[in-house]
PDB file of all heavy atoms in Angstrom:
ATOM      1  N   ARG A   1      16.330  11.095  14.204  1.00  0.00           N
ATOM      2  CA  ARG A   1      17.573  10.462  13.730  1.00  0.00           C
ATOM      3  C   ARG A   1      17.334   9.837  12.359  1.00  0.00           C
ATOM      4  O   ARG A   1      16.425   9.033  12.172  1.00  0.00           O
ATOM      5  CB  ARG A   1      18.047   9.405  14.724  1.00  0.00           C
ATOM      6  CG  ARG A   1      18.367   9.987  16.107  1.00  0.00           C
ATOM      7  CD  ARG A   1      18.897   8.927  17.034  1.00  0.00           C
ATOM      8  NE  ARG A   1      20.147   8.356  16.521  1.00  0.00           N
ATOM      9  CZ  ARG A   1      20.795   7.339  17.082  1.00  0.00           C
ATOM     10  NH1 ARG A   1      20.303   6.787  18.193  1.00  0.00           N
ATOM     11  NH2 ARG A   1      21.904   6.881  16.549  1.00  0.00           N
ATOM     12  N   GLY A   2      18.175  10.229  11.403  1.00  0.00           N
ATOM     13  CA  GLY A   2      17.986   9.758  10.043  1.00  0.00           C
ATOM     14  C   GLY A   2      18.083   8.257   9.910  1.00  0.00           C
ATOM     15  O   GLY A   2      17.370   7.645   9.107  1.00  0.00           O
ATOM     16  N   GLU A   3      18.950   7.593  10.711  1.00  0.00           N
ATOM     17  CA  GLU A   3      19.126   6.151  10.575  1.00  0.00           C
ATOM     18  C   GLU A   3      17.881   5.377  11.007  1.00  0.00           C
ATOM     19  O   GLU A   3      17.711   4.216  10.638  1.00  0.00           O
ATOM     20  CB  GLU A   3      20.342   5.714  11.398  1.00  0.00           C
ATOM     21  CG  GLU A   3      20.189   5.974  12.896  1.00  0.00           C
ATOM     22  CD  GLU A   3      21.455   5.639  13.678  1.00  0.00           C
ATOM     23  OE1 GLU A   3      22.542   5.549  13.056  1.00  0.00           O
ATOM     24  OE2 GLU A   3      21.346   5.463  14.892  1.00  0.00           O
ATOM     25  N   GLU A   4      16.991   6.013  11.784  1.00  0.00           N
ATOM     26  CA  GLU A   4      15.761   5.357  12.217  1.00  0.00           C
ATOM     27  C   GLU A   4      14.629   5.514  11.196  1.00  0.00           C
ATOM     28  O   GLU A   4      13.581   4.902  11.345  1.00  0.00           O
ATOM     29  CB  GLU A   4      15.322   5.924  13.568  1.00  0.00           C
ATOM     30  CG  GLU A   4      16.308   5.637  14.696  1.00  0.00           C
ATOM     31  CD  GLU A   4      15.865   6.271  16.004  1.00  0.00           C
ATOM     32  OE1 GLU A   4      14.800   6.941  15.996  1.00  0.00           O
ATOM     33  OE2 GLU A   4      16.559   6.104  17.019  1.00  0.00           O
ATOM     34  N   ARG A   5      14.840   6.363  10.206  1.00  0.00           N
ATOM     35  CA  ARG A   5      13.810   6.545   9.182  1.00  0.00           C
ATOM     36  C   ARG A   5      13.888   5.418   8.164  1.00  0.00           C
ATOM     37  O   ARG A   5      14.972   4.877   7.894  1.00  0.00           O
ATOM     38  CB  ARG A   5      14.004   7.885   8.460  1.00  0.00           C
ATOM     39  CG  ARG A   5      13.947   9.095   9.368  1.00  0.00           C
ATOM     40  CD  ARG A   5      14.408  10.351   8.636  1.00  0.00           C
ATOM     41  NE  ARG A   5      14.718  11.422   9.575  1.00  0.00           N
ATOM     42  CZ  ARG A   5      15.496  12.468   9.291  1.00  0.00           C
ATOM     43  NH1 ARG A   5      16.046  12.568   8.080  1.00  0.00           N
ATOM     44  NH2 ARG A   5      15.711  13.390  10.200  1.00  0.00           N
ATOM     45  N   PRO A   6      12.756   5.038   7.548  1.00  0.00           N
ATOM     46  CA  PRO A   6      12.805   4.030   6.474  1.00  0.00           C
ATOM     47  C   PRO A   6      13.471   4.619   5.239  1.00  0.00           C
ATOM     48  O   PRO A   6      13.584   5.833   5.081  1.00  0.00           O
ATOM     49  CB  PRO A   6      11.323   3.733   6.225  1.00  0.00           C
ATOM     50  CG  PRO A   6      10.610   4.977   6.637  1.00  0.00           C
ATOM     51  CD  PRO A   6      11.393   5.526   7.793  1.00  0.00           C
ATOM     52  N   SER A   7      13.932   3.733   4.359  1.00  0.00           N
ATOM     53  CA  SER A   7      14.455   4.207   3.080  1.00  0.00           C
ATOM     54  C   SER A   7      13.284   4.575   2.176  1.00  0.00           C
ATOM     55  O   SER A   7      12.143   4.171   2.403  1.00  0.00           O
ATOM     56  CB  SER A   7      15.300   3.120   2.415  1.00  0.00           C
ATOM     57  OG  SER A   7      14.466   2.027   2.036  1.00  0.00           O
ATOM     58  N   MET A   8      13.579   5.338   1.123  1.00  0.00           N
ATOM     59  CA  MET A   8      12.507   5.721   0.202  1.00  0.00           C
ATOM     60  C   MET A   8      11.966   4.501  -0.532  1.00  0.00           C
ATOM     61  O   MET A   8      10.797   4.473  -0.927  1.00  0.00           O
ATOM     62  CB  MET A   8      12.997   6.772  -0.797  1.00  0.00           C
ATOM     63  CG  MET A   8      13.060   8.180  -0.258  1.00  0.00           C
ATOM     64  SD  MET A   8      11.538   8.775   0.555  1.00  0.00           S
ATOM     65  CE  MET A   8      10.326   8.563  -0.713  1.00  0.00           C
ATOM     66  N   LYS A   9      12.776   3.462  -0.699  1.00  0.00           N
ATOM     67  CA  LYS A   9      12.289   2.238  -1.339  1.00  0.00           C
ATOM     68  C   LYS A   9      11.222   1.596  -0.457  1.00  0.00           C
ATOM     69  O   LYS A   9      10.167   1.161  -0.936  1.00  0.00           O
ATOM     70  CB  LYS A   9      13.448   1.272  -1.587  1.00  0.00           C
ATOM     71  CG  LYS A   9      13.016  -0.019  -2.291  1.00  0.00           C
ATOM     72  CD  LYS A   9      14.167  -0.999  -2.444  1.00  0.00           C
ATOM     73  CE  LYS A   9      15.194  -0.472  -3.419  1.00  0.00           C
ATOM     74  NZ  LYS A   9      16.233  -1.481  -3.718  1.00  0.00           N
ATOM     75  N   GLU A  10      11.478   1.558   0.868  1.00  0.00           N
ATOM     76  CA  GLU A  10      10.496   0.983   1.792  1.00  0.00           C
ATOM     77  C   GLU A  10       9.227   1.831   1.840  1.00  0.00           C
ATOM     78  O   GLU A  10       8.106   1.313   1.890  1.00  0.00           O
ATOM     79  CB  GLU A  10      11.118   0.874   3.185  1.00  0.00           C
ATOM     80  CG  GLU A  10      12.243  -0.136   3.267  1.00  0.00           C
ATOM     81  CD  GLU A  10      12.995  -0.066   4.586  1.00  0.00           C
ATOM     82  OE1 GLU A  10      13.064   1.023   5.184  1.00  0.00           O
ATOM     83  OE2 GLU A  10      13.522  -1.110   5.004  1.00  0.00           O
ATOM     84  N   VAL A  11       9.394   3.162   1.829  1.00  0.00           N
ATOM     85  CA  VAL A  11       8.234   4.061   1.829  1.00  0.00           C
ATOM     86  C   VAL A  11       7.392   3.825   0.581  1.00  0.00           C
ATOM     87  O   VAL A  11       6.158   3.724   0.640  1.00  0.00           O
ATOM     88  CB  VAL A  11       8.692   5.529   1.910  1.00  0.00           C
ATOM     89  CG1 VAL A  11       7.493   6.470   1.740  1.00  0.00           C
ATOM     90  CG2 VAL A  11       9.392   5.809   3.233  1.00  0.00           C
ATOM     91  N   ALA A  12       8.070   3.734  -0.572  1.00  0.00           N
ATOM     92  CA  ALA A  12       7.345   3.526  -1.830  1.00  0.00           C
ATOM     93  C   ALA A  12       6.607   2.192  -1.822  1.00  0.00           C
ATOM     94  O   ALA A  12       5.485   2.085  -2.334  1.00  0.00           O
ATOM     95  CB  ALA A  12       8.323   3.599  -3.004  1.00  0.00           C
ATOM     96  N   MET A  13       7.226   1.141  -1.228  1.00  0.00           N
ATOM     97  CA  MET A  13       6.578  -0.170  -1.157  1.00  0.00           C
ATOM     98  C   MET A  13       5.295  -0.113  -0.333  1.00  0.00           C
ATOM     99  O   MET A  13       4.253  -0.642  -0.728  1.00  0.00           O
ATOM    100  CB  MET A  13       7.539  -1.201  -0.546  1.00  0.00           C
ATOM    101  CG  MET A  13       8.685  -1.619  -1.452  1.00  0.00           C
ATOM    102  SD  MET A  13       9.887  -2.663  -0.599  1.00  0.00           S
ATOM    103  CE  MET A  13       8.865  -4.054  -0.130  1.00  0.00           C
ATOM    104  N   GLU A  14       5.338   0.552   0.830  1.00  0.00           N
ATOM    105  CA  GLU A  14       4.147   0.616   1.681  1.00  0.00           C
ATOM    106  C   GLU A  14       3.031   1.409   1.011  1.00  0.00           C
ATOM    107  O   GLU A  14       1.855   1.033   1.074  1.00  0.00           O
ATOM    108  CB  GLU A  14       4.516   1.237   3.036  1.00  0.00           C
ATOM    109  CG  GLU A  14       5.350   0.320   3.904  1.00  0.00           C
ATOM    110  CD  GLU A  14       5.213   0.643   5.391  1.00  0.00           C
ATOM    111  OE1 GLU A  14       4.091   0.978   5.802  1.00  0.00           O
ATOM    112  OE2 GLU A  14       6.218   0.550   6.103  1.00  0.00           O
ATOM    113  N   LEU A  15       3.382   2.512   0.359  1.00  0.00           N
ATOM    114  CA  LEU A  15       2.354   3.314  -0.319  1.00  0.00           C
ATOM    115  C   LEU A  15       1.746   2.547  -1.483  1.00  0.00           C
ATOM    116  O   LEU A  15       0.538   2.602  -1.733  1.00  0.00           O
ATOM    117  CB  LEU A  15       2.962   4.637  -0.805  1.00  0.00           C
ATOM    118  CG  LEU A  15       3.319   5.645   0.288  1.00  0.00           C
ATOM    119  CD1 LEU A  15       4.057   6.835  -0.315  1.00  0.00           C
ATOM    120  CD2 LEU A  15       2.061   6.127   1.005  1.00  0.00           C
ATOM    121  N   GLU A  16       2.588   1.806  -2.214  1.00  0.00           N
ATOM    122  CA  GLU A  16       2.057   1.014  -3.331  1.00  0.00           C
ATOM    123  C   GLU A  16       1.148  -0.079  -2.796  1.00  0.00           C
ATOM    124  O   GLU A  16       0.130  -0.428  -3.408  1.00  0.00           O
ATOM    125  CB  GLU A  16       3.217   0.419  -4.138  1.00  0.00           C
ATOM    126  CG  GLU A  16       2.783  -0.323  -5.405  1.00  0.00           C
ATOM    127  CD  GLU A  16       2.113   0.590  -6.409  1.00  0.00           C
ATOM    128  OE1 GLU A  16       2.294   1.826  -6.324  1.00  0.00           O
ATOM    129  OE2 GLU A  16       1.392   0.067  -7.284  1.00  0.00           O
ATOM    130  N   GLY A  17       1.506  -0.653  -1.609  1.00  0.00           N
ATOM    131  CA  GLY A  17       0.645  -1.655  -0.999  1.00  0.00           C
ATOM    132  C   GLY A  17      -0.721  -1.092  -0.662  1.00  0.00           C
ATOM    133  O   GLY A  17      -1.746  -1.741  -0.880  1.00  0.00           O
ATOM    134  N   LEU A  18      -0.760   0.131  -0.121  1.00  0.00           N
ATOM    135  CA  LEU A  18      -2.044   0.780   0.172  1.00  0.00           C
ATOM    136  C   LEU A  18      -2.839   1.000  -1.107  1.00  0.00           C
ATOM    137  O   LEU A  18      -4.065   0.844  -1.138  1.00  0.00           O
ATOM    138  CB  LEU A  18      -1.800   2.117   0.876  1.00  0.00           C
ATOM    139  CG  LEU A  18      -1.378   2.040   2.351  1.00  0.00           C
ATOM    140  CD1 LEU A  18      -1.047   3.433   2.882  1.00  0.00           C
ATOM    141  CD2 LEU A  18      -2.483   1.411   3.193  1.00  0.00           C
ATOM    142  N   ARG A  19      -2.170   1.384  -2.181  1.00  0.00           N
ATOM    143  CA  ARG A  19      -2.872   1.591  -3.466  1.00  0.00           C
ATOM    144  C   ARG A  19      -3.474   0.296  -3.984  1.00  0.00           C
ATOM    145  O   ARG A  19      -4.617   0.259  -4.456  1.00  0.00           O
ATOM    146  CB  ARG A  19      -1.906   2.152  -4.513  1.00  0.00           C
ATOM    147  CG  ARG A  19      -1.569   3.624  -4.327  1.00  0.00           C
ATOM    148  CD  ARG A  19      -0.889   4.154  -5.560  1.00  0.00           C
ATOM    149  NE  ARG A  19      -1.787   4.082  -6.695  1.00  0.00           N
ATOM    150  CZ  ARG A  19      -1.404   4.034  -7.974  1.00  0.00           C
ATOM    151  NH1 ARG A  19      -0.117   4.003  -8.260  1.00  0.00           N
ATOM    152  NH2 ARG A  19      -2.284   3.986  -8.939  1.00  0.00           N
ATOM    153  N   VAL A  20      -2.691  -0.782  -3.908  1.00  0.00           N
ATOM    154  CA  VAL A  20      -3.192  -2.074  -4.372  1.00  0.00           C
ATOM    155  C   VAL A  20      -4.384  -2.498  -3.531  1.00  0.00           C
ATOM    156  O   VAL A  20      -5.355  -3.074  -4.032  1.00  0.00           O
ATOM    157  CB  VAL A  20      -2.071  -3.128  -4.314  1.00  0.00           C
ATOM    158  CG1 VAL A  20      -2.627  -4.519  -4.611  1.00  0.00           C
ATOM    159  CG2 VAL A  20      -0.983  -2.780  -5.315  1.00  0.00           C
ATOM    160  N   LEU A  21      -4.340  -2.211  -2.240  1.00  0.00           N
ATOM    161  CA  LEU A  21      -5.453  -2.538  -1.358  1.00  0.00           C
ATOM    162  C   LEU A  21      -6.732  -1.845  -1.823  1.00  0.00           C
ATOM    163  O   LEU A  21      -7.808  -2.445  -1.853  1.00  0.00           O
ATOM    164  CB  LEU A  21      -5.109  -2.111   0.075  1.00  0.00           C
ATOM    165  CG  LEU A  21      -6.241  -2.259   1.106  1.00  0.00           C
ATOM    166  CD1 LEU A  21      -6.639  -3.720   1.239  1.00  0.00           C
ATOM    167  CD2 LEU A  21      -5.810  -1.691   2.447  1.00  0.00           C
ATOM    168  N   ILE A  22      -6.621  -0.566  -2.191  1.00  0.00           N
ATOM    169  CA  ILE A  22      -7.802   0.174  -2.666  1.00  0.00           C
ATOM    170  C   ILE A  22      -8.359  -0.472  -3.929  1.00  0.00           C
ATOM    171  O   ILE A  22      -9.568  -0.684  -4.084  1.00  0.00           O
ATOM    172  CB  ILE A  22      -7.428   1.641  -2.931  1.00  0.00           C
ATOM    173  CG1 ILE A  22      -7.095   2.336  -1.612  1.00  0.00           C
ATOM    174  CG2 ILE A  22      -8.562   2.373  -3.634  1.00  0.00           C
ATOM    175  CD1 ILE A  22      -6.589   3.752  -1.782  1.00  0.00           C
ATOM    176  N   GLN A  23      -7.458  -0.844  -4.872  1.00  0.00           N
ATOM    177  CA  GLN A  23      -7.909  -1.454  -6.127  1.00  0.00           C
ATOM    178  C   GLN A  23      -8.572  -2.797  -5.852  1.00  0.00           C
ATOM    179  O   GLN A  23      -9.601  -3.131  -6.444  1.00  0.00           O
ATOM    180  CB  GLN A  23      -6.717  -1.614  -7.069  1.00  0.00           C
ATOM    181  CG  GLN A  23      -6.115  -0.287  -7.505  1.00  0.00           C
ATOM    182  CD  GLN A  23      -4.787  -0.462  -8.212  1.00  0.00           C
ATOM    183  OE1 GLN A  23      -4.311  -1.582  -8.396  1.00  0.00           O
ATOM    184  NE2 GLN A  23      -4.182   0.651  -8.611  1.00  0.00           N
ATOM    185  N   ALA A  24      -7.976  -3.567  -4.925  1.00  0.00           N
ATOM    186  CA  ALA A  24      -8.558  -4.872  -4.611  1.00  0.00           C
ATOM    187  C   ALA A  24      -9.909  -4.705  -3.922  1.00  0.00           C
ATOM    188  O   ALA A  24     -10.849  -5.472  -4.162  1.00  0.00           O
ATOM    189  CB  ALA A  24      -7.598  -5.656  -3.724  1.00  0.00           C
ATOM    190  N   ASN A  25     -10.011  -3.703  -3.044  1.00  0.00           N
ATOM    191  CA  ASN A  25     -11.287  -3.409  -2.385  1.00  0.00           C
ATOM    192  C   ASN A  25     -12.386  -3.184  -3.408  1.00  0.00           C
ATOM    193  O   ASN A  25     -13.489  -3.712  -3.312  1.00  0.00           O
ATOM    194  CB  ASN A  25     -11.143  -2.172  -1.503  1.00  0.00           C
ATOM    195  CG  ASN A  25     -10.941  -2.557  -0.044  1.00  0.00           C
ATOM    196  OD1 ASN A  25     -11.422  -3.603   0.397  1.00  0.00           O
ATOM    197  ND2 ASN A  25     -10.232  -1.723   0.698  1.00  0.00           N
ATOM    198  N   GLU A  26     -12.082  -2.339  -4.389  1.00  0.00           N
ATOM    199  CA  GLU A  26     -13.084  -2.007  -5.406  1.00  0.00           C
ATOM    200  C   GLU A  26     -13.509  -3.256  -6.174  1.00  0.00           C
ATOM    201  O   GLU A  26     -14.679  -3.453  -6.484  1.00  0.00           O
ATOM    202  CB  GLU A  26     -12.516  -0.953  -6.361  1.00  0.00           C
ATOM    203  CG  GLU A  26     -12.286   0.397  -5.687  1.00  0.00           C
ATOM    204  CD  GLU A  26     -11.573   1.368  -6.603  1.00  0.00           C
ATOM    205  OE1 GLU A  26     -11.106   0.938  -7.684  1.00  0.00           O
ATOM    206  OE2 GLU A  26     -11.466   2.565  -6.237  1.00  0.00           O
ATOM    207  N   LYS A  27     -12.526  -4.118  -6.476  1.00  0.00           N
ATOM    208  CA  LYS A  27     -12.834  -5.323  -7.231  1.00  0.00           C
ATOM    209  C   LYS A  27     -13.679  -6.291  -6.410  1.00  0.00           C
ATOM    210  O   LYS A  27     -14.656  -6.866  -6.895  1.00  0.00           O
ATOM    211  CB  LYS A  27     -11.532  -5.992  -7.677  1.00  0.00           C
ATOM    212  CG  LYS A  27     -11.748  -7.258  -8.498  1.00  0.00           C
ATOM    213  CD  LYS A  27     -10.418  -7.823  -8.954  1.00  0.00           C
ATOM    214  CE  LYS A  27     -10.633  -9.107  -9.766  1.00  0.00           C
ATOM    215  NZ  LYS A  27      -9.356  -9.687 -10.192  1.00  0.00           N
ATOM    216  N   LEU A  28     -13.301  -6.482  -5.128  1.00  0.00           N
ATOM    217  CA  LEU A  28     -14.010  -7.442  -4.298  1.00  0.00           C
ATOM    218  C   LEU A  28     -15.398  -6.956  -3.902  1.00  0.00           C
ATOM    219  O   LEU A  28     -16.329  -7.740  -3.746  1.00  0.00           O
ATOM    220  CB  LEU A  28     -13.187  -7.742  -3.051  1.00  0.00           C
ATOM    221  CG  LEU A  28     -11.845  -8.468  -3.302  1.00  0.00           C
ATOM    222  CD1 LEU A  28     -11.117  -8.680  -1.998  1.00  0.00           C
ATOM    223  CD2 LEU A  28     -12.081  -9.797  -4.007  1.00  0.00           C
ATOM    224  N   GLU A  29     -15.529  -5.608  -3.741  1.00  0.00           N
ATOM    225  CA  GLU A  29     -16.848  -5.071  -3.408  1.00  0.00           C
ATOM    226  C   GLU A  29     -17.850  -5.344  -4.517  1.00  0.00           C
ATOM    227  O   GLU A  29     -19.034  -5.556  -4.274  1.00  0.00           O
ATOM    228  CB  GLU A  29     -16.738  -3.568  -3.151  1.00  0.00           C
ATOM    229  CG  GLU A  29     -16.154  -3.236  -1.786  1.00  0.00           C
ATOM    230  CD  GLU A  29     -15.974  -1.737  -1.603  1.00  0.00           C
ATOM    231  OE1 GLU A  29     -16.335  -1.003  -2.549  1.00  0.00           O
ATOM    232  OE2 GLU A  29     -15.489  -1.318  -0.546  1.00  0.00           O
ATOM    233  N   SER A  30     -17.349  -5.360  -5.750  1.00  0.00           N
ATOM    234  CA  SER A  30     -18.255  -5.608  -6.868  1.00  0.00           C
ATOM    235  C   SER A  30     -18.730  -7.065  -6.893  1.00  0.00           C
ATOM    236  O   SER A  30     -19.748  -7.390  -7.487  1.00  0.00           O
ATOM    237  CB  SER A  30     -17.560  -5.276  -8.192  1.00  0.00           C
ATOM    238  OG  SER A  30     -16.452  -6.148  -8.391  1.00  0.00           O
ATOM    239  N   THR A  31     -17.978  -7.967  -6.201  1.00  0.00           N
ATOM    240  CA  THR A  31     -18.361  -9.381  -6.169  1.00  0.00           C
ATOM    241  C   THR A  31     -18.894  -9.797  -4.810  1.00  0.00           C
ATOM    242  O   THR A  31     -19.189 -10.973  -4.573  1.00  0.00           O
ATOM    243  CB  THR A  31     -17.150 -10.262  -6.524  1.00  0.00           C
ATOM    244  OG1 THR A  31     -16.121 -10.021  -5.562  1.00  0.00           O
ATOM    245  CG2 THR A  31     -16.637  -9.935  -7.913  1.00  0.00           C
ATOM    246  N   GLY A  32     -18.945  -8.836  -3.853  1.00  0.00           N
ATOM    247  CA  GLY A  32     -19.472  -9.123  -2.522  1.00  0.00           C
ATOM    248  C   GLY A  32     -18.461  -9.750  -1.596  1.00  0.00           C
ATOM    249  O   GLY A  32     -18.799 -10.232  -0.520  1.00  0.00           O
ATOM    250  N   GLU A  33     -17.198  -9.791  -1.967  1.00  0.00           N
ATOM    251  CA  GLU A  33     -16.189 -10.397  -1.116  1.00  0.00           C
ATOM    252  C   GLU A  33     -15.761  -9.427  -0.034  1.00  0.00           C
ATOM    253  O   GLU A  33     -15.763  -8.210  -0.229  1.00  0.00           O
ATOM    254  CB  GLU A  33     -14.976 -10.807  -1.950  1.00  0.00           C
ATOM    255  CG  GLU A  33     -15.322 -11.890  -2.979  1.00  0.00           C
ATOM    256  CD  GLU A  33     -14.123 -12.205  -3.847  1.00  0.00           C
ATOM    257  OE1 GLU A  33     -13.290 -11.324  -4.047  1.00  0.00           O
ATOM    258  OE2 GLU A  33     -14.036 -13.338  -4.312  1.00  0.00           O
TER     259      GLU A  33
END
């Protein structure tokens, strides 16, 4: 059912969150966090 699917704005937000997580991981790993 289409109404149960997220909007593309919500999809884009979650994917961008995963990307930011990867960048933060790389930064914190370099400092041991």
